[in-house]
C-alpha cells in the first residue's frame, strides 16, 4: 500500500527519509523527465539537495541549474560514468566536480565517442538477432540530441512492431547478457575515477550490489577503486533490500568509504520508485556530503 504525505513517500520499507537524492536521470540521458521538470518534481517532494547524474554527460545539470536555483534546491554537479574493471562494466558517479574544468569537458567528449561506437555495435548485434536492419539515424531521433542509450533502441523496436513492450525488448535483446549488452569501448575504471578527482569531485561506486560479483571479487574491485582515488559507495539506493543495504554498509565501514544515497530515478513508473525513494541511510556511516561544507551547513 502506498502512503503519501508532504515530504514523505512510503512504498513498503522504501521511503523519502531525507531531503537528499544524489542519483537520478533526465532526458539528457535515459530519463523521461526534462532537467527542468525533474527539479520541479524534486521541489514538490521536499528534496533540498539533488544531484542529476545523467549517463556520461553533464548536460542535465547544466540545463537544470537556473530552475533549481529558482526553486531553492541545492543542485550538485553530477554524472554517471561508464567504465570497465576486469572485463565488467562498472558505473562510477561523480559528484561536486568543476563542470567547466578541461578534464570534465574532455571526459564528456570521450564518452560521446565511446557511446557512438557502442550504439553501432548494439544496432548490428540486435539487428542480426532480430533479422532486421536497425536504422541508427531513426533511433537517434528518439534521443532528441541527447546521449543515445538502450531505452531509445527499445522504443524504436516497439514502434517498428518487433517487440510488444519495453520489458520484452530488454529481456530478449537489450538487457544483461543479451545481444545489446555491449561493453566495448568504455575506458578503464582507473581513468574514469581520475577524471572525477582531477575535476575536484568525489568518485562514488554506483549500485555495487547489482554487479553479480562474489564478495571477494567486489572487495578487490573496491580496493582498486580506492587506490585510484575513489571515496564513496552507494549504501542507500532505490529499491535495494535490507540484506543488500547491510552488505554495502559493512563494506563501506570495512574499507572506510563514505556512504552515498540515491533513488536512481529515471521517471514516473508503476513500481513506486520516485525521487527520494531509498532505504534509510545508515546512521553509523560518514556521508559523502560531509565533504561539502555548504551541504553540511544546510543539513545542520
Protein backbone atom coordinates (compact mmCIF):
# COMPACT_ATOMS: atom_id res chain seq x y z
CA UNK A 1 0.00 0.00 0.00
CA UNK A 2 1.27 3.45 -0.90
CA UNK A 3 1.16 6.33 1.56
CA UNK A 4 1.67 9.90 0.51
CA UNK A 5 2.43 12.80 2.82
CA UNK A 6 4.19 16.09 2.33
CA UNK A 7 7.87 15.22 2.07
CA UNK A 8 7.25 11.54 2.79
CA UNK A 9 6.69 8.69 0.35
CA UNK A 10 6.39 5.13 1.60
CA UNK A 11 6.41 2.03 -0.56
CA UNK A 12 6.87 -0.82 1.88
CA UNK A 13 10.15 -0.08 3.64
CA UNK A 14 11.26 2.40 0.98
CA UNK A 15 10.61 6.00 1.82
CA UNK A 16 11.82 9.53 1.50
CA UNK A 17 13.73 9.74 4.75
CA UNK A 18 15.96 12.69 3.94
CA UNK A 19 16.00 15.71 1.68
CA UNK A 20 18.97 14.39 -0.30
CA UNK A 21 18.98 12.41 -3.57
CA UNK A 22 22.35 12.05 -5.29
CA UNK A 23 21.48 9.71 -8.18
CA UNK A 24 18.82 10.41 -10.82
CA UNK A 25 18.44 10.87 -14.57
CA UNK A 26 16.80 13.19 -17.09
CA UNK A 27 16.15 13.20 -20.82
CA UNK A 28 19.78 14.26 -21.25
CA UNK A 29 20.49 10.51 -20.99
CA UNK A 30 17.88 7.79 -20.40
CA UNK A 31 15.38 9.52 -18.10
CA UNK A 32 11.87 10.53 -19.13
CA UNK A 33 11.65 13.98 -17.50
CA UNK A 34 13.44 17.06 -18.75
CA UNK A 35 16.03 18.53 -16.37
CA UNK A 36 13.67 21.40 -15.51
CA UNK A 37 10.75 19.04 -14.88
CA UNK A 38 12.91 16.81 -12.70
CA UNK A 39 13.97 19.61 -10.34
CA UNK A 40 10.35 20.79 -10.16
CA UNK A 41 9.35 17.28 -9.10
CA UNK A 42 12.17 17.27 -6.55
CA UNK A 43 10.87 20.55 -5.10
CA UNK A 44 7.34 19.11 -4.85
CA UNK A 45 8.74 16.15 -2.92
CA UNK A 46 10.64 18.27 -0.43
CA UNK A 47 14.12 17.44 -1.69
CA UNK A 48 16.62 20.16 -0.83
CA UNK A 49 19.86 18.71 -2.21
CA UNK A 50 19.89 16.97 -5.58
CA UNK A 51 22.48 15.61 -7.96
CA UNK A 52 21.43 14.93 -11.54
CA UNK A 53 23.71 12.10 -12.63
CA UNK A 54 22.97 11.52 -16.29
CA UNK A 55 24.96 8.86 -18.08
CA UNK A 56 28.25 10.24 -19.41
CA UNK A 57 27.05 13.83 -19.72
CA UNK A 58 26.66 16.92 -17.53
CA UNK A 59 24.05 18.39 -19.87
CA UNK A 60 21.20 17.66 -17.45
CA UNK A 61 22.94 19.50 -14.63
CA UNK A 62 23.70 22.49 -16.84
CA UNK A 63 20.11 22.72 -18.11
CA UNK A 64 18.55 22.44 -14.64
CA UNK A 65 20.79 24.81 -12.69
CA UNK A 66 18.80 28.02 -13.18
CA UNK A 67 15.45 26.37 -12.38
CA UNK A 68 16.94 24.64 -9.32
CA UNK A 69 18.20 27.98 -8.01
CA UNK A 70 14.74 29.50 -8.52
CA UNK A 71 13.19 26.66 -6.51
CA UNK A 72 15.74 26.83 -3.69
CA UNK A 73 17.24 23.41 -4.45
CA UNK A 74 20.95 22.96 -3.98
CA UNK A 75 21.89 21.26 -7.25
CA UNK A 76 25.17 19.36 -7.00
CA UNK A 77 27.02 18.71 -10.23
CA UNK A 78 26.83 15.02 -11.06
CA UNK A 79 27.48 12.46 -13.74
CA UNK A 80 27.34 8.65 -14.00
CA UNK A 81 30.33 7.44 -16.00
CA UNK A 82 30.56 4.00 -17.58
CA UNK A 83 33.85 2.15 -17.37
CA UNK A 84 35.28 -1.35 -17.17
CA UNK A 85 37.12 -3.27 -14.48
CA UNK A 86 38.23 -6.85 -15.05
CA UNK A 87 36.02 -7.04 -18.13
CA UNK A 88 32.93 -5.99 -16.14
CA UNK A 89 31.02 -2.78 -16.84
CA UNK A 90 31.06 -0.56 -13.74
CA UNK A 91 29.27 2.74 -13.18
CA UNK A 92 31.01 5.48 -11.24
CA UNK A 93 29.04 8.50 -10.03
CA UNK A 94 30.99 11.75 -9.93
CA UNK A 95 29.72 14.41 -7.52
CA UNK A 96 30.54 18.07 -6.96
CA UNK A 97 33.01 18.44 -9.84
CA UNK A 98 34.02 21.61 -11.62
CA UNK A 99 31.86 21.16 -14.73
CA UNK A 100 33.88 23.74 -16.62
CA UNK A 101 37.22 22.04 -15.99
CA UNK A 102 39.14 20.92 -19.06
CA UNK A 103 39.28 17.36 -17.74
CA UNK A 104 35.48 17.01 -17.44
CA UNK A 105 34.86 18.55 -20.83
CA UNK A 106 37.34 16.11 -22.34
CA UNK A 107 35.73 13.24 -20.41
CA UNK A 108 32.33 14.07 -21.89
CA UNK A 109 33.80 14.11 -25.40
CA UNK A 110 35.48 10.76 -24.81
CA UNK A 111 32.27 9.18 -23.57
CA UNK A 112 30.30 10.54 -26.55
CA UNK A 113 32.72 8.74 -28.86
CA UNK A 114 32.51 5.56 -26.79
CA UNK A 115 28.70 5.68 -26.81
CA UNK A 116 28.67 6.21 -30.58
CA UNK A 117 30.84 3.15 -31.14
CA UNK A 118 28.70 1.18 -28.70
CA UNK A 119 25.48 2.22 -30.45
CA UNK A 120 26.76 0.92 -33.78
CA UNK A 121 27.56 -2.44 -32.19
CA UNK A 122 24.14 -2.60 -30.49
CA UNK A 123 22.44 -1.92 -33.83
CA UNK A 124 24.48 -4.61 -35.56
CA UNK A 125 24.06 -7.29 -32.89
CA UNK A 126 20.40 -6.72 -32.09
CA UNK A 127 19.55 -6.35 -35.78
CA UNK A 128 21.24 -9.66 -36.51
CA UNK A 129 19.26 -11.40 -33.75
CA UNK A 130 16.00 -9.82 -34.94
CA UNK A 131 16.90 -10.47 -38.60
CA UNK A 132 16.05 -6.84 -39.22
CA UNK A 133 18.00 -3.75 -40.25
CA UNK A 134 18.11 -1.13 -37.50
CA UNK A 135 18.20 2.42 -38.81
CA UNK A 136 20.59 4.08 -36.36
CA UNK A 137 19.64 7.57 -37.54
CA UNK A 138 16.00 6.76 -36.76
CA UNK A 139 16.98 5.52 -33.28
CA UNK A 140 18.87 8.78 -32.67
CA UNK A 141 15.64 10.72 -33.24
CA UNK A 142 14.28 9.12 -30.06
CA UNK A 143 17.19 10.63 -28.13
CA UNK A 144 16.38 14.12 -29.42
CA UNK A 145 20.03 15.11 -29.48
CA UNK A 146 20.84 13.70 -26.05
CA UNK A 147 23.01 10.68 -25.19
CA UNK A 148 21.82 7.57 -27.04
CA UNK A 149 21.06 4.60 -24.80
CA UNK A 150 19.36 1.22 -24.87
CA UNK A 151 15.92 2.63 -23.93
CA UNK A 152 15.95 4.55 -27.21
CA UNK A 153 16.61 1.31 -29.09
CA UNK A 154 13.74 -0.29 -27.19
CA UNK A 155 11.31 2.49 -28.13
CA UNK A 156 12.35 2.19 -31.78
CA UNK A 157 11.86 -1.58 -31.71
CA UNK A 158 8.40 -1.20 -30.16
CA UNK A 159 7.34 1.32 -32.80
CA UNK A 160 8.62 -1.00 -35.53
CA UNK A 161 6.37 -3.71 -34.14
CA UNK A 162 9.28 -6.05 -33.43
CA UNK A 163 8.60 -6.27 -29.67
CA UNK A 164 5.39 -5.55 -27.73
CA UNK A 165 6.86 -3.55 -24.87
CA UNK A 166 9.98 -2.30 -23.07
CA UNK A 167 10.21 -5.37 -20.82
CA UNK A 168 10.40 -7.78 -23.75
CA UNK A 169 12.92 -5.56 -25.55
CA UNK A 170 15.28 -5.76 -22.58
CA UNK A 171 14.56 -9.35 -21.56
CA UNK A 172 15.24 -10.70 -25.05
CA UNK A 173 17.56 -8.24 -26.76
CA UNK A 174 18.98 -5.37 -24.70
CA UNK A 175 19.36 -6.49 -21.07
CA UNK A 176 22.32 -8.01 -19.27
CA UNK A 177 23.81 -10.90 -21.19
CA UNK A 178 21.72 -10.20 -24.30
CA UNK A 179 22.99 -9.12 -27.76
CA UNK A 180 22.51 -5.43 -26.96
CA UNK A 181 24.51 -5.60 -23.74
CA UNK A 182 27.62 -4.14 -25.35
CA UNK A 183 30.55 -3.45 -23.04
CA UNK A 184 33.08 -2.44 -25.65
CA UNK A 185 34.70 1.00 -25.89
CA UNK A 186 34.38 2.10 -22.25
CA UNK A 187 37.56 3.40 -20.57
CA UNK A 188 39.16 1.60 -17.64
CA UNK A 189 37.90 2.44 -14.15
CA UNK A 190 41.24 4.00 -13.18
CA UNK A 191 40.92 6.64 -15.89
CA UNK A 192 37.28 7.46 -15.09
CA UNK A 193 38.00 7.92 -11.39
CA UNK A 194 40.94 10.17 -12.25
CA UNK A 195 38.69 12.41 -14.35
CA UNK A 196 36.39 13.00 -11.38
CA UNK A 197 39.19 13.51 -8.88
CA UNK A 198 41.15 15.83 -11.19
CA UNK A 199 38.00 17.92 -11.62
CA UNK A 200 37.79 18.35 -7.84
CA UNK A 201 34.90 15.92 -7.37
CA UNK A 202 34.16 12.83 -5.30
CA UNK A 203 34.02 9.45 -7.04
CA UNK A 204 31.29 7.08 -5.78
CA UNK A 205 30.80 3.50 -6.90
CA UNK A 206 27.19 3.17 -8.02
CA UNK A 207 24.88 0.24 -7.15
CA UNK A 208 27.72 -2.19 -6.44
CA UNK A 209 25.21 -4.74 -5.12
CA UNK A 210 23.94 -5.23 -8.68
CA UNK A 211 27.23 -6.30 -10.30
CA UNK A 212 26.77 -10.02 -9.56
CA UNK A 213 30.29 -10.37 -8.19
CA UNK A 214 31.34 -12.59 -5.33
CA UNK A 215 32.14 -10.67 -2.15
CA UNK A 216 35.85 -11.41 -2.71
CA UNK A 217 35.79 -10.05 -6.24
CA UNK A 218 33.77 -6.99 -5.26
CA UNK A 219 36.26 -6.22 -2.48
CA UNK A 220 39.11 -6.50 -4.99
CA UNK A 221 37.25 -4.09 -7.27
CA UNK A 222 36.68 -1.66 -4.39
CA UNK A 223 40.31 -1.85 -3.30
CA UNK A 224 41.37 -0.82 -6.81
CA UNK A 225 38.69 1.89 -6.82
CA UNK A 226 40.15 3.29 -3.58
CA UNK A 227 43.70 3.08 -4.92
CA UNK A 228 42.59 5.12 -7.93
CA UNK A 229 41.13 7.84 -5.68
CA UNK A 230 37.55 6.64 -5.18
CA UNK A 231 35.95 7.69 -1.89
CA UNK A 232 32.30 6.67 -1.79
CA UNK A 233 29.89 3.75 -2.07
CA UNK A 234 26.12 3.84 -2.53
CA UNK A 235 24.63 2.30 0.61
CA UNK A 236 21.05 3.58 0.35
CA UNK A 237 19.89 3.06 -3.20
CA UNK A 238 16.48 2.87 -4.80
CA UNK A 239 14.84 -0.44 -4.04
CA UNK A 240 17.78 -2.34 -2.59
CA UNK A 241 16.58 -4.73 0.08
CA UNK A 242 17.68 -4.85 3.73
CA UNK A 243 20.28 -7.55 3.05
CA UNK A 244 21.86 -5.59 0.19
CA UNK A 245 21.88 -2.43 2.29
CA UNK A 246 23.57 -4.33 5.11
CA UNK A 247 26.23 -5.76 2.81
CA UNK A 248 27.07 -2.40 1.24
CA UNK A 249 27.14 -0.70 4.65
CA UNK A 250 29.50 -3.37 6.01
CA UNK A 251 31.83 -2.95 3.04
CA UNK A 252 31.83 0.83 3.40
CA UNK A 253 32.77 0.51 7.08
CA UNK A 254 35.45 -2.09 6.46
CA UNK A 255 37.06 -0.13 3.63
CA UNK A 256 36.48 3.29 5.24
CA UNK A 257 34.40 4.58 2.33
CA UNK A 258 31.94 7.44 2.57
CA UNK A 259 28.29 6.49 2.18
CA UNK A 260 26.15 7.89 -0.62
CA UNK A 261 22.44 7.66 -1.37
CA UNK A 262 20.17 7.99 -4.37
CA UNK A 263 16.98 6.74 -5.91
CA UNK A 264 18.33 6.20 -9.46
CA UNK A 265 15.02 7.71 -10.57
CA UNK A 266 14.52 7.65 -14.35
CA UNK A 267 10.92 8.83 -14.45
CA UNK A 268 7.44 8.02 -13.14
CA UNK A 269 6.64 4.30 -13.19
CA UNK A 270 4.10 1.88 -11.81
CA UNK A 271 6.55 0.32 -9.34
CA UNK A 272 6.53 3.26 -6.94
CA UNK A 273 10.18 4.28 -7.35
CA UNK A 274 10.40 8.06 -7.19
CA UNK A 275 12.85 10.77 -6.26
CA UNK A 276 13.96 10.22 -2.68
CA UNK A 277 12.76 6.60 -2.51
CA UNK A 278 15.51 4.59 -0.85
CA UNK A 279 16.27 2.69 2.37
CA UNK A 280 17.18 4.64 5.49
CA UNK A 281 20.73 5.97 5.37
CA UNK A 282 22.94 4.16 7.93
CA UNK A 283 23.49 6.37 10.97
CA UNK A 284 26.96 4.97 11.66
CA UNK A 285 28.48 5.90 8.30
CA UNK A 286 30.06 9.19 7.32
CA UNK A 287 28.02 10.56 4.38
CA UNK A 288 29.64 11.77 1.21
CA UNK A 289 28.09 15.21 1.67
CA UNK A 290 30.10 15.72 4.85
CA UNK A 291 32.93 16.70 2.49
CA UNK A 292 30.96 19.68 1.26
CA UNK A 293 30.73 22.42 3.87
CA UNK A 294 27.77 24.10 2.15
CA UNK A 295 25.74 20.90 2.26
CA UNK A 296 26.75 20.14 5.81
CA UNK A 297 25.61 23.57 6.92
CA UNK A 298 22.31 23.15 5.07
CA UNK A 299 21.63 19.87 6.84
CA UNK A 300 22.58 21.10 10.33
